[in-house]
């Protein structure tokens, strides 16, 4: 059973505060303002709320930024709040537990949520700034500057779990022809369409990068070069079958893909060089192909 509450805006619930309650709120605000990391902020708020209202878990969702964060354990009974401040939407926050929340507990939750609003707004702004610095503005995927740090994390996981890691490098065949024939706006639409096609093919855990122009890279965790080759061929066929439409123009594009597998302790530059060589071979041998190196 889910109890949906009305929008919680700054100031809601203040009239319900008992004497001494304002001190609790002030202390809570001070604690919450110590972090800009959204996951840490929500976890800290949940821990503090538990002193007042027991709950088994929470879910925070902000669809505008593609954020979904879960903590604790899901249960049948829940109360959901739509949060906003200064006419700015801050997402929804749901608390869960086995037994139903009482009216007094809901009042307590609402009064404490008032302390979360400004820290939450700041954490969302911080997250947005970080995402903007790390993502390609046209396609929304990661940019070249993030590849090294993500590679370090992926190789650390590969070593820890004794698993494989593969790299795909790809670009659009005759992309200049698209720009020259249909215009740069059509070229941008092609890049966005390709990105969606990649996103629909990869797993959520596989990071995608736009390296520049029409060139992309994909890291496939827990995947050896044989598995990566199969994935690359599936992606190649999906792109080839995709119709791109811009204004009155309809056309298809193809991609060439180079595939290679990470070797223990090698540097990113070495891995990329092999993938790039494979990509060059794919283009040199006729394009619209997958080559493994």
C-alpha atoms as a PDB file:
ATOM      1  CA  UNK A   1       0.000   0.000   0.000  1.00  0.00           C
ATOM      2  CA  UNK A   2       1.384   3.396  -1.003  1.00  0.00           C
ATOM      3  CA  UNK A   3       0.245   6.612   0.624  1.00  0.00           C
ATOM      4  CA  UNK A   4       0.879   9.576  -1.673  1.00  0.00           C
ATOM      5  CA  UNK A   5       1.236  12.892   0.093  1.00  0.00           C
ATOM      6  CA  UNK A   6       0.773  16.294  -1.496  1.00  0.00           C
ATOM      7  CA  UNK A   7       3.767  18.264  -2.701  1.00  0.00           C
ATOM      8  CA  UNK A   8       6.151  19.173   0.055  1.00  0.00           C
ATOM      9  CA  UNK A   9       7.511  22.684  -0.377  1.00  0.00           C
ATOM     10  CA  UNK A  10       9.748  24.739   1.859  1.00  0.00           C
ATOM     11  CA  UNK A  11       7.875  25.614   5.025  1.00  0.00           C
ATOM     12  CA  UNK A  12       5.379  22.742   5.019  1.00  0.00           C
ATOM     13  CA  UNK A  13       4.961  21.243   8.454  1.00  0.00           C
ATOM     14  CA  UNK A  14       6.483  24.079  10.482  1.00  0.00           C
ATOM     15  CA  UNK A  15       3.242  24.711  12.328  1.00  0.00           C
ATOM     16  CA  UNK A  16       3.342  21.133  13.576  1.00  0.00           C
ATOM     17  CA  UNK A  17       6.666  21.546  15.315  1.00  0.00           C
ATOM     18  CA  UNK A  18       6.573  21.280  19.066  1.00  0.00           C
ATOM     19  CA  UNK A  19       8.774  23.364  21.364  1.00  0.00           C
ATOM     20  CA  UNK A  20      12.367  22.252  20.998  1.00  0.00           C
ATOM     21  CA  UNK A  21      11.619  20.781  17.593  1.00  0.00           C
ATOM     22  CA  UNK A  22      13.305  23.687  15.826  1.00  0.00           C
ATOM     23  CA  UNK A  23      16.590  22.701  17.503  1.00  0.00           C
ATOM     24  CA  UNK A  24      16.325  19.193  16.064  1.00  0.00           C
ATOM     25  CA  UNK A  25      15.635  20.632  12.608  1.00  0.00           C
ATOM     26  CA  UNK A  26      18.587  23.029  12.847  1.00  0.00           C
ATOM     27  CA  UNK A  27      20.949  20.247  13.909  1.00  0.00           C
ATOM     28  CA  UNK A  28      19.681  18.062  11.077  1.00  0.00           C
ATOM     29  CA  UNK A  29      20.212  20.825   8.516  1.00  0.00           C
ATOM     30  CA  UNK A  30      23.786  21.294   9.749  1.00  0.00           C
ATOM     31  CA  UNK A  31      24.471  17.568   9.339  1.00  0.00           C
ATOM     32  CA  UNK A  32      22.932  17.372   5.886  1.00  0.00           C
ATOM     33  CA  UNK A  33      24.819  20.405   4.603  1.00  0.00           C
ATOM     34  CA  UNK A  34      28.142  18.617   5.095  1.00  0.00           C
ATOM     35  CA  UNK A  35      27.859  16.656   1.841  1.00  0.00           C
ATOM     36  CA  UNK A  36      27.014  17.372  -1.792  1.00  0.00           C
ATOM     37  CA  UNK A  37      27.030  13.703  -2.753  1.00  0.00           C
ATOM     38  CA  UNK A  38      23.406  12.773  -3.358  1.00  0.00           C
ATOM     39  CA  UNK A  39      23.708   9.138  -2.256  1.00  0.00           C
ATOM     40  CA  UNK A  40      25.432  10.150   0.998  1.00  0.00           C
ATOM     41  CA  UNK A  41      22.858  12.873   1.643  1.00  0.00           C
ATOM     42  CA  UNK A  42      19.900  10.512   1.281  1.00  0.00           C
ATOM     43  CA  UNK A  43      21.566   7.827   3.384  1.00  0.00           C
ATOM     44  CA  UNK A  44      22.339  10.351   6.123  1.00  0.00           C
ATOM     45  CA  UNK A  45      18.781  11.680   6.112  1.00  0.00           C
ATOM     46  CA  UNK A  46      17.373   8.153   6.326  1.00  0.00           C
ATOM     47  CA  UNK A  47      19.598   7.379   9.310  1.00  0.00           C
ATOM     48  CA  UNK A  48      18.529  10.551  11.120  1.00  0.00           C
ATOM     49  CA  UNK A  49      14.866   9.984  10.281  1.00  0.00           C
ATOM     50  CA  UNK A  50      15.067   6.471  11.770  1.00  0.00           C
ATOM     51  CA  UNK A  51      15.506   8.008  15.243  1.00  0.00           C
ATOM     52  CA  UNK A  52      12.047   9.554  14.836  1.00  0.00           C
ATOM     53  CA  UNK A  53      10.243   7.191  12.454  1.00  0.00           C
ATOM     54  CA  UNK A  54      11.335   3.608  11.871  1.00  0.00           C
ATOM     55  CA  UNK A  55      11.438   2.558   8.222  1.00  0.00           C
ATOM     56  CA  UNK A  56      13.078  -0.267   6.310  1.00  0.00           C
ATOM     57  CA  UNK A  57      14.162   1.576   3.189  1.00  0.00           C
ATOM     58  CA  UNK A  58      13.682   4.436   0.759  1.00  0.00           C
ATOM     59  CA  UNK A  59      13.574   5.203  -2.957  1.00  0.00           C
ATOM     60  CA  UNK A  60      14.524   8.559  -4.460  1.00  0.00           C
ATOM     61  CA  UNK A  61      13.620   9.253  -8.079  1.00  0.00           C
ATOM     62  CA  UNK A  62      14.189  12.316 -10.229  1.00  0.00           C
ATOM     63  CA  UNK A  63      13.185  11.457 -13.785  1.00  0.00           C
ATOM     64  CA  UNK A  64      14.367  14.773 -15.254  1.00  0.00           C
ATOM     65  CA  UNK A  65      17.960  13.791 -14.457  1.00  0.00           C
ATOM     66  CA  UNK A  66      17.549  10.042 -14.829  1.00  0.00           C
ATOM     67  CA  UNK A  67      18.225   9.445 -11.127  1.00  0.00           C
ATOM     68  CA  UNK A  68      16.961   6.406  -9.218  1.00  0.00           C
ATOM     69  CA  UNK A  69      18.543   5.693  -5.825  1.00  0.00           C
ATOM     70  CA  UNK A  70      17.477   2.922  -3.453  1.00  0.00           C
ATOM     71  CA  UNK A  71      18.482   2.332   0.138  1.00  0.00           C
ATOM     72  CA  UNK A  72      17.554  -0.322   2.671  1.00  0.00           C
ATOM     73  CA  UNK A  73      14.841  -2.924   2.098  1.00  0.00           C
ATOM     74  CA  UNK A  74      11.606  -2.653   0.150  1.00  0.00           C
ATOM     75  CA  UNK A  75       8.305  -3.404   1.912  1.00  0.00           C
ATOM     76  CA  UNK A  76       4.565  -3.364   1.266  1.00  0.00           C
ATOM     77  CA  UNK A  77       3.628  -0.143   3.069  1.00  0.00           C
ATOM     78  CA  UNK A  78       5.044   3.174   1.932  1.00  0.00           C
ATOM     79  CA  UNK A  79       4.541   6.925   1.901  1.00  0.00           C
ATOM     80  CA  UNK A  80       5.627   9.012  -1.075  1.00  0.00           C
ATOM     81  CA  UNK A  81       6.489  12.716  -1.192  1.00  0.00           C
ATOM     82  CA  UNK A  82       6.904  14.983  -4.206  1.00  0.00           C
ATOM     83  CA  UNK A  83       9.548  17.523  -3.243  1.00  0.00           C
ATOM     84  CA  UNK A  84      10.013  21.054  -4.553  1.00  0.00           C
ATOM     85  CA  UNK A  85      11.472  24.353  -3.447  1.00  0.00           C
ATOM     86  CA  UNK A  86      11.343  27.847  -4.972  1.00  0.00           C
ATOM     87  CA  UNK A  87       9.201  26.425  -7.801  1.00  0.00           C
ATOM     88  CA  UNK A  88      11.979  23.931  -8.575  1.00  0.00           C
ATOM     89  CA  UNK A  89      11.101  20.240  -8.698  1.00  0.00           C
ATOM     90  CA  UNK A  90      13.420  18.041  -6.612  1.00  0.00           C
ATOM     91  CA  UNK A  91      12.036  14.581  -7.351  1.00  0.00           C
ATOM     92  CA  UNK A  92      10.066  12.102  -5.252  1.00  0.00           C
ATOM     93  CA  UNK A  93      11.118  10.371  -2.045  1.00  0.00           C
ATOM     94  CA  UNK A  94       9.385   7.229  -0.788  1.00  0.00           C
ATOM     95  CA  UNK A  95       9.819   5.552   2.604  1.00  0.00           C
ATOM     96  CA  UNK A  96       8.863   1.912   3.200  1.00  0.00           C
ATOM     97  CA  UNK A  97       8.263  -0.552   6.013  1.00  0.00           C
ATOM     98  CA  UNK A  98       6.091  -3.560   6.896  1.00  0.00           C
ATOM     99  CA  UNK A  99       3.403  -1.799   8.924  1.00  0.00           C
ATOM    100  CA  UNK A 100       1.413   1.244   7.933  1.00  0.00           C
ATOM    101  CA  UNK A 101       2.688   4.711   8.891  1.00  0.00           C
ATOM    102  CA  UNK A 102       0.546   6.510  11.468  1.00  0.00           C
ATOM    103  CA  UNK A 103      -0.664  10.088  11.059  1.00  0.00           C
ATOM    104  CA  UNK A 104       1.733  11.278  13.774  1.00  0.00           C
ATOM    105  CA  UNK A 105       4.629   9.576  12.009  1.00  0.00           C
ATOM    106  CA  UNK A 106       3.690  11.202   8.716  1.00  0.00           C
ATOM    107  CA  UNK A 107       3.704  14.600  10.419  1.00  0.00           C
ATOM    108  CA  UNK A 108       7.170  13.823  11.800  1.00  0.00           C
ATOM    109  CA  UNK A 109       8.438  12.811   8.367  1.00  0.00           C
ATOM    110  CA  UNK A 110       7.070  15.971   6.778  1.00  0.00           C
ATOM    111  CA  UNK A 111       8.609  18.234   9.391  1.00  0.00           C
ATOM    112  CA  UNK A 112      12.025  16.598   8.971  1.00  0.00           C
ATOM    113  CA  UNK A 113      11.788  16.670   5.175  1.00  0.00           C
ATOM    114  CA  UNK A 114      11.768  20.439   5.452  1.00  0.00           C
ATOM    115  CA  UNK A 115      15.404  20.178   6.559  1.00  0.00           C
ATOM    116  CA  UNK A 116      16.294  18.107   3.500  1.00  0.00           C
ATOM    117  CA  UNK A 117      15.047  20.453   0.792  1.00  0.00           C
ATOM    118  CA  UNK A 118      17.901  22.984   0.492  1.00  0.00           C
ATOM    119  CA  UNK A 119      20.689  20.385   0.906  1.00  0.00           C
ATOM    120  CA  UNK A 120      18.901  18.236  -1.690  1.00  0.00           C
ATOM    121  CA  UNK A 121      18.658  21.143  -4.119  1.00  0.00           C
ATOM    122  CA  UNK A 122      22.390  21.830  -3.698  1.00  0.00           C
ATOM    123  CA  UNK A 123      23.270  18.152  -4.173  1.00  0.00           C
ATOM    124  CA  UNK A 124      21.217  17.989  -7.370  1.00  0.00           C
ATOM    125  CA  UNK A 125      22.872  21.150  -8.725  1.00  0.00           C
ATOM    126  CA  UNK A 126      26.284  19.686  -7.903  1.00  0.00           C
ATOM    127  CA  UNK A 127      25.419  16.409  -9.608  1.00  0.00           C
ATOM    128  CA  UNK A 128      24.162  18.297 -12.649  1.00  0.00           C
ATOM    129  CA  UNK A 129      27.408  20.284 -12.853  1.00  0.00           C
ATOM    130  CA  UNK A 130      29.487  17.111 -12.614  1.00  0.00           C
ATOM    131  CA  UNK A 131      27.390  15.412 -15.289  1.00  0.00           C
ATOM    132  CA  UNK A 132      27.705  18.427 -17.591  1.00  0.00           C
ATOM    133  CA  UNK A 133      31.486  18.379 -17.258  1.00  0.00           C
ATOM    134  CA  UNK A 134      31.647  14.647 -17.976  1.00  0.00           C
ATOM    135  CA  UNK A 135      29.096  14.258 -20.756  1.00  0.00           C
ATOM    136  CA  UNK A 136      28.908  15.127 -24.425  1.00  0.00           C
ATOM    137  CA  UNK A 137      26.260  17.853 -24.813  1.00  0.00           C
ATOM    138  CA  UNK A 138      24.898  16.529 -28.120  1.00  0.00           C
ATOM    139  CA  UNK A 139      24.517  12.825 -27.370  1.00  0.00           C
ATOM    140  CA  UNK A 140      24.443  12.756 -23.563  1.00  0.00           C
ATOM    141  CA  UNK A 141      27.062   9.982 -23.317  1.00  0.00           C
ATOM    142  CA  UNK A 142      30.398  10.323 -21.536  1.00  0.00           C
ATOM    143  CA  UNK A 143      33.068  12.463 -23.181  1.00  0.00           C
ATOM    144  CA  UNK A 144      36.726  11.737 -23.900  1.00  0.00           C
ATOM    145  CA  UNK A 145      37.962  13.410 -20.710  1.00  0.00           C
ATOM    146  CA  UNK A 146      36.268  10.761 -18.552  1.00  0.00           C
ATOM    147  CA  UNK A 147      37.642   7.724 -20.382  1.00  0.00           C
ATOM    148  CA  UNK A 148      40.851   7.439 -18.361  1.00  0.00           C
ATOM    149  CA  UNK A 149      39.162   7.532 -14.934  1.00  0.00           C
ATOM    150  CA  UNK A 150      36.440   5.085 -16.001  1.00  0.00           C
ATOM    151  CA  UNK A 151      39.096   2.794 -17.486  1.00  0.00           C
ATOM    152  CA  UNK A 152      40.954   2.759 -14.153  1.00  0.00           C
ATOM    153  CA  UNK A 153      37.769   1.761 -12.313  1.00  0.00           C
ATOM    154  CA  UNK A 154      36.887  -0.928 -14.844  1.00  0.00           C
ATOM    155  CA  UNK A 155      40.363  -2.486 -14.812  1.00  0.00           C
ATOM    156  CA  UNK A 156      40.339  -2.515 -11.000  1.00  0.00           C
ATOM    157  CA  UNK A 157      37.041  -4.437 -11.070  1.00  0.00           C
ATOM    158  CA  UNK A 158      38.424  -6.767 -13.736  1.00  0.00           C
ATOM    159  CA  UNK A 159      41.408  -7.643 -11.547  1.00  0.00           C
ATOM    160  CA  UNK A 160      39.292  -8.023  -8.417  1.00  0.00           C
ATOM    161  CA  UNK A 161      36.786 -10.370 -10.035  1.00  0.00           C
ATOM    162  CA  UNK A 162      39.284 -12.062 -12.383  1.00  0.00           C
ATOM    163  CA  UNK A 163      37.093 -11.221 -15.355  1.00  0.00           C
ATOM    164  CA  UNK A 164      37.600  -9.927 -18.892  1.00  0.00           C
ATOM    165  CA  UNK A 165      37.297  -6.392 -20.247  1.00  0.00           C
ATOM    166  CA  UNK A 166      36.979  -5.443 -23.912  1.00  0.00           C
ATOM    167  CA  UNK A 167      37.067  -2.169 -25.819  1.00  0.00           C
ATOM    168  CA  UNK A 168      35.125  -1.299 -28.952  1.00  0.00           C
ATOM    169  CA  UNK A 169      36.028   1.705 -31.082  1.00  0.00           C
ATOM    170  CA  UNK A 170      33.649   2.632 -33.871  1.00  0.00           C
ATOM    171  CA  UNK A 171      32.814   5.413 -36.237  1.00  0.00           C
ATOM    172  CA  UNK A 172      30.226   6.203 -38.887  1.00  0.00           C
ATOM    173  CA  UNK A 173      31.175   5.312 -42.443  1.00  0.00           C
ATOM    174  CA  UNK A 174      31.201   8.265 -44.878  1.00  0.00           C
ATOM    175  CA  UNK A 175      29.880  10.635 -42.223  1.00  0.00           C
ATOM    176  CA  UNK A 176      31.196  13.618 -44.194  1.00  0.00           C
ATOM    177  CA  UNK A 177      28.845  12.609 -46.998  1.00  0.00           C
ATOM    178  CA  UNK A 178      25.894  12.880 -44.585  1.00  0.00           C
ATOM    179  CA  UNK A 179      26.903  16.413 -43.592  1.00  0.00           C
ATOM    180  CA  UNK A 180      27.623  17.482 -47.172  1.00  0.00           C
ATOM    181  CA  UNK A 181      24.417  15.992 -48.588  1.00  0.00           C
ATOM    182  CA  UNK A 182      21.836  16.638 -45.872  1.00  0.00           C
ATOM    183  CA  UNK A 183      23.460  19.342 -43.740  1.00  0.00           C
ATOM    184  CA  UNK A 184      25.074  19.451 -40.305  1.00  0.00           C
ATOM    185  CA  UNK A 185      21.720  19.311 -38.511  1.00  0.00           C
ATOM    186  CA  UNK A 186      21.135  15.948 -40.183  1.00  0.00           C
ATOM    187  CA  UNK A 187      24.621  14.940 -39.075  1.00  0.00           C
ATOM    188  CA  UNK A 188      23.725  15.805 -35.484  1.00  0.00           C
ATOM    189  CA  UNK A 189      20.521  13.770 -35.770  1.00  0.00           C
ATOM    190  CA  UNK A 190      22.576  10.854 -37.085  1.00  0.00           C
ATOM    191  CA  UNK A 191      24.903  11.015 -34.078  1.00  0.00           C
ATOM    192  CA  UNK A 192      21.952  11.071 -31.679  1.00  0.00           C
ATOM    193  CA  UNK A 193      20.259   8.190 -33.485  1.00  0.00           C
ATOM    194  CA  UNK A 194      23.469   6.150 -33.364  1.00  0.00           C
ATOM    195  CA  UNK A 195      23.789   6.873 -29.648  1.00  0.00           C
ATOM    196  CA  UNK A 196      20.254   5.621 -28.980  1.00  0.00           C
ATOM    197  CA  UNK A 197      20.983   2.505 -31.006  1.00  0.00           C
ATOM    198  CA  UNK A 198      24.110   1.822 -28.935  1.00  0.00           C
ATOM    199  CA  UNK A 199      22.253   2.441 -25.667  1.00  0.00           C
ATOM    200  CA  UNK A 200      19.510   0.005 -26.672  1.00  0.00           C
ATOM    201  CA  UNK A 201      22.119  -2.664 -27.443  1.00  0.00           C
ATOM    202  CA  UNK A 202      24.573  -2.414 -24.535  1.00  0.00           C
ATOM    203  CA  UNK A 203      23.985  -3.296 -20.900  1.00  0.00           C
ATOM    204  CA  UNK A 204      23.409  -0.451 -18.458  1.00  0.00           C
ATOM    205  CA  UNK A 205      26.777  -1.203 -16.862  1.00  0.00           C
ATOM    206  CA  UNK A 206      28.721  -0.676 -20.119  1.00  0.00           C
ATOM    207  CA  UNK A 207      30.017   2.918 -20.400  1.00  0.00           C
ATOM    208  CA  UNK A 208      29.738   4.683 -23.777  1.00  0.00           C
ATOM    209  CA  UNK A 209      32.035   7.540 -24.828  1.00  0.00           C
ATOM    210  CA  UNK A 210      31.981   9.997 -27.693  1.00  0.00           C
ATOM    211  CA  UNK A 211      35.638  10.530 -28.509  1.00  0.00           C
ATOM    212  CA  UNK A 212      34.994  13.334 -30.965  1.00  0.00           C
ATOM    213  CA  UNK A 213      33.348  13.815 -34.344  1.00  0.00           C
ATOM    214  CA  UNK A 214      31.716  10.553 -35.391  1.00  0.00           C
ATOM    215  CA  UNK A 215      33.962   8.303 -33.280  1.00  0.00           C
ATOM    216  CA  UNK A 216      32.725   6.423 -30.205  1.00  0.00           C
ATOM    217  CA  UNK A 217      34.168   3.934 -27.715  1.00  0.00           C
ATOM    218  CA  UNK A 218      32.449   1.320 -25.547  1.00  0.00           C
ATOM    219  CA  UNK A 219      33.937  -0.577 -22.606  1.00  0.00           C
ATOM    220  CA  UNK A 220      32.373  -4.018 -22.169  1.00  0.00           C
ATOM    221  CA  UNK A 221      32.983  -5.313 -18.665  1.00  0.00           C
ATOM    222  CA  UNK A 222      33.031  -9.039 -17.924  1.00  0.00           C
ATOM    223  CA  UNK A 223      33.306  -9.682 -21.676  1.00  0.00           C
ATOM    224  CA  UNK A 224      36.160 -11.316 -23.592  1.00  0.00           C
ATOM    225  CA  UNK A 225      36.947 -10.475 -27.210  1.00  0.00           C
ATOM    226  CA  UNK A 226      34.777 -13.308 -28.547  1.00  0.00           C
ATOM    227  CA  UNK A 227      31.760 -12.000 -26.671  1.00  0.00           C
ATOM    228  CA  UNK A 228      32.676  -8.441 -27.645  1.00  0.00           C
ATOM    229  CA  UNK A 229      32.879  -9.481 -31.306  1.00  0.00           C
ATOM    230  CA  UNK A 230      29.370 -10.965 -31.154  1.00  0.00           C
ATOM    231  CA  UNK A 231      28.076  -7.808 -29.502  1.00  0.00           C
ATOM    232  CA  UNK A 232      29.804  -5.620 -32.106  1.00  0.00           C
ATOM    233  CA  UNK A 233      28.242  -7.584 -34.957  1.00  0.00           C
ATOM    234  CA  UNK A 234      24.803  -7.257 -33.349  1.00  0.00           C
ATOM    235  CA  UNK A 235      25.332  -3.501 -33.025  1.00  0.00           C
ATOM    236  CA  UNK A 236      26.578  -3.202 -36.611  1.00  0.00           C
ATOM    237  CA  UNK A 237      23.436  -4.903 -37.921  1.00  0.00           C
ATOM    238  CA  UNK A 238      21.171  -2.792 -35.700  1.00  0.00           C
ATOM    239  CA  UNK A 239      22.704   0.443 -36.997  1.00  0.00           C
ATOM    240  CA  UNK A 240      22.542  -0.729 -40.611  1.00  0.00           C
ATOM    241  CA  UNK A 241      18.813  -1.449 -40.208  1.00  0.00           C
ATOM    242  CA  UNK A 242      18.033   1.893 -38.566  1.00  0.00           C
ATOM    243  CA  UNK A 243      16.300   4.525 -40.683  1.00  0.00           C
ATOM    244  CA  UNK A 244      17.344   8.113 -39.992  1.00  0.00           C
ATOM    245  CA  UNK A 245      14.921  10.883 -40.831  1.00  0.00           C
ATOM    246  CA  UNK A 246      15.665  14.596 -40.908  1.00  0.00           C
ATOM    247  CA  UNK A 247      13.009  16.887 -42.355  1.00  0.00           C
ATOM    248  CA  UNK A 248      12.157  15.348 -45.744  1.00  0.00           C
ATOM    249  CA  UNK A 249      15.322  13.260 -45.973  1.00  0.00           C
ATOM    250  CA  UNK A 250      15.442   9.562 -45.082  1.00  0.00           C
ATOM    251  CA  UNK A 251      18.680   7.627 -45.147  1.00  0.00           C
ATOM    252  CA  UNK A 252      20.718   4.854 -43.527  1.00  0.00           C
ATOM    253  CA  UNK A 253      24.295   4.795 -42.307  1.00  0.00           C
ATOM    254  CA  UNK A 254      26.720   2.022 -41.452  1.00  0.00           C
ATOM    255  CA  UNK A 255      29.509   1.770 -38.901  1.00  0.00           C
ATOM    256  CA  UNK A 256      32.912   0.130 -38.749  1.00  0.00           C
ATOM    257  CA  UNK A 257      34.046  -1.362 -35.440  1.00  0.00           C
ATOM    258  CA  UNK A 258      37.407  -2.356 -33.998  1.00  0.00           C
ATOM    259  CA  UNK A 259      37.427  -4.821 -31.086  1.00  0.00           C
ATOM    260  CA  UNK A 260      40.177  -5.761 -28.654  1.00  0.00           C
ATOM    261  CA  UNK A 261      40.526  -7.268 -25.177  1.00  0.00           C
ATOM    262  CA  UNK A 262      42.351  -5.751 -22.229  1.00  0.00           C
ATOM    263  CA  UNK A 263      45.662  -7.380 -21.329  1.00  0.00           C
ATOM    264  CA  UNK A 264      46.683  -7.456 -17.689  1.00  0.00           C
ATOM    265  CA  UNK A 265      48.438  -4.274 -16.491  1.00  0.00           C
ATOM    266  CA  UNK A 266      48.498  -2.550 -19.901  1.00  0.00           C
ATOM    267  CA  UNK A 267      47.833   1.165 -20.195  1.00  0.00           C
ATOM    268  CA  UNK A 268      44.773   2.719 -21.793  1.00  0.00           C
ATOM    269  CA  UNK A 269      46.875   4.063 -24.669  1.00  0.00           C
ATOM    270  CA  UNK A 270      48.010   0.537 -25.604  1.00  0.00           C
ATOM    271  CA  UNK A 271      44.462  -0.801 -25.498  1.00  0.00           C
ATOM    272  CA  UNK A 272      43.142   2.082 -27.599  1.00  0.00           C
ATOM    273  CA  UNK A 273      45.966   1.710 -30.119  1.00  0.00           C
ATOM    274  CA  UNK A 274      45.006  -1.917 -30.793  1.00  0.00           C
ATOM    275  CA  UNK A 275      41.307  -1.089 -31.058  1.00  0.00           C
ATOM    276  CA  UNK A 276      42.140   1.793 -33.386  1.00  0.00           C
ATOM    277  CA  UNK A 277      44.228  -0.506 -35.579  1.00  0.00           C
ATOM    278  CA  UNK A 278      41.302  -2.922 -35.788  1.00  0.00           C
ATOM    279  CA  UNK A 279      38.959  -0.040 -36.659  1.00  0.00           C
ATOM    280  CA  UNK A 280      41.343   1.128 -39.392  1.00  0.00           C
ATOM    281  CA  UNK A 281      41.439  -2.410 -40.811  1.00  0.00           C
ATOM    282  CA  UNK A 282      37.629  -2.541 -40.848  1.00  0.00           C
ATOM    283  CA  UNK A 283      37.441   0.712 -42.796  1.00  0.00           C
ATOM    284  CA  UNK A 284      40.347  -0.175 -45.080  1.00  0.00           C
ATOM    285  CA  UNK A 285      38.749  -3.491 -46.063  1.00  0.00           C
ATOM    286  CA  UNK A 286      35.450  -2.047 -47.202  1.00  0.00           C
ATOM    287  CA  UNK A 287      33.727  -0.555 -44.123  1.00  0.00           C
ATOM    288  CA  UNK A 288      30.531  -1.767 -42.422  1.00  0.00           C
ATOM    289  CA  UNK A 289      32.607  -4.490 -40.779  1.00  0.00           C
ATOM    290  CA  UNK A 290      33.825  -5.734 -37.401  1.00  0.00           C
ATOM    291  CA  UNK A 291      37.528  -6.507 -37.011  1.00  0.00           C
ATOM    292  CA  UNK A 292      39.041  -8.084 -33.887  1.00  0.00           C
ATOM    293  CA  UNK A 293      42.638  -7.427 -32.906  1.00  0.00           C
END
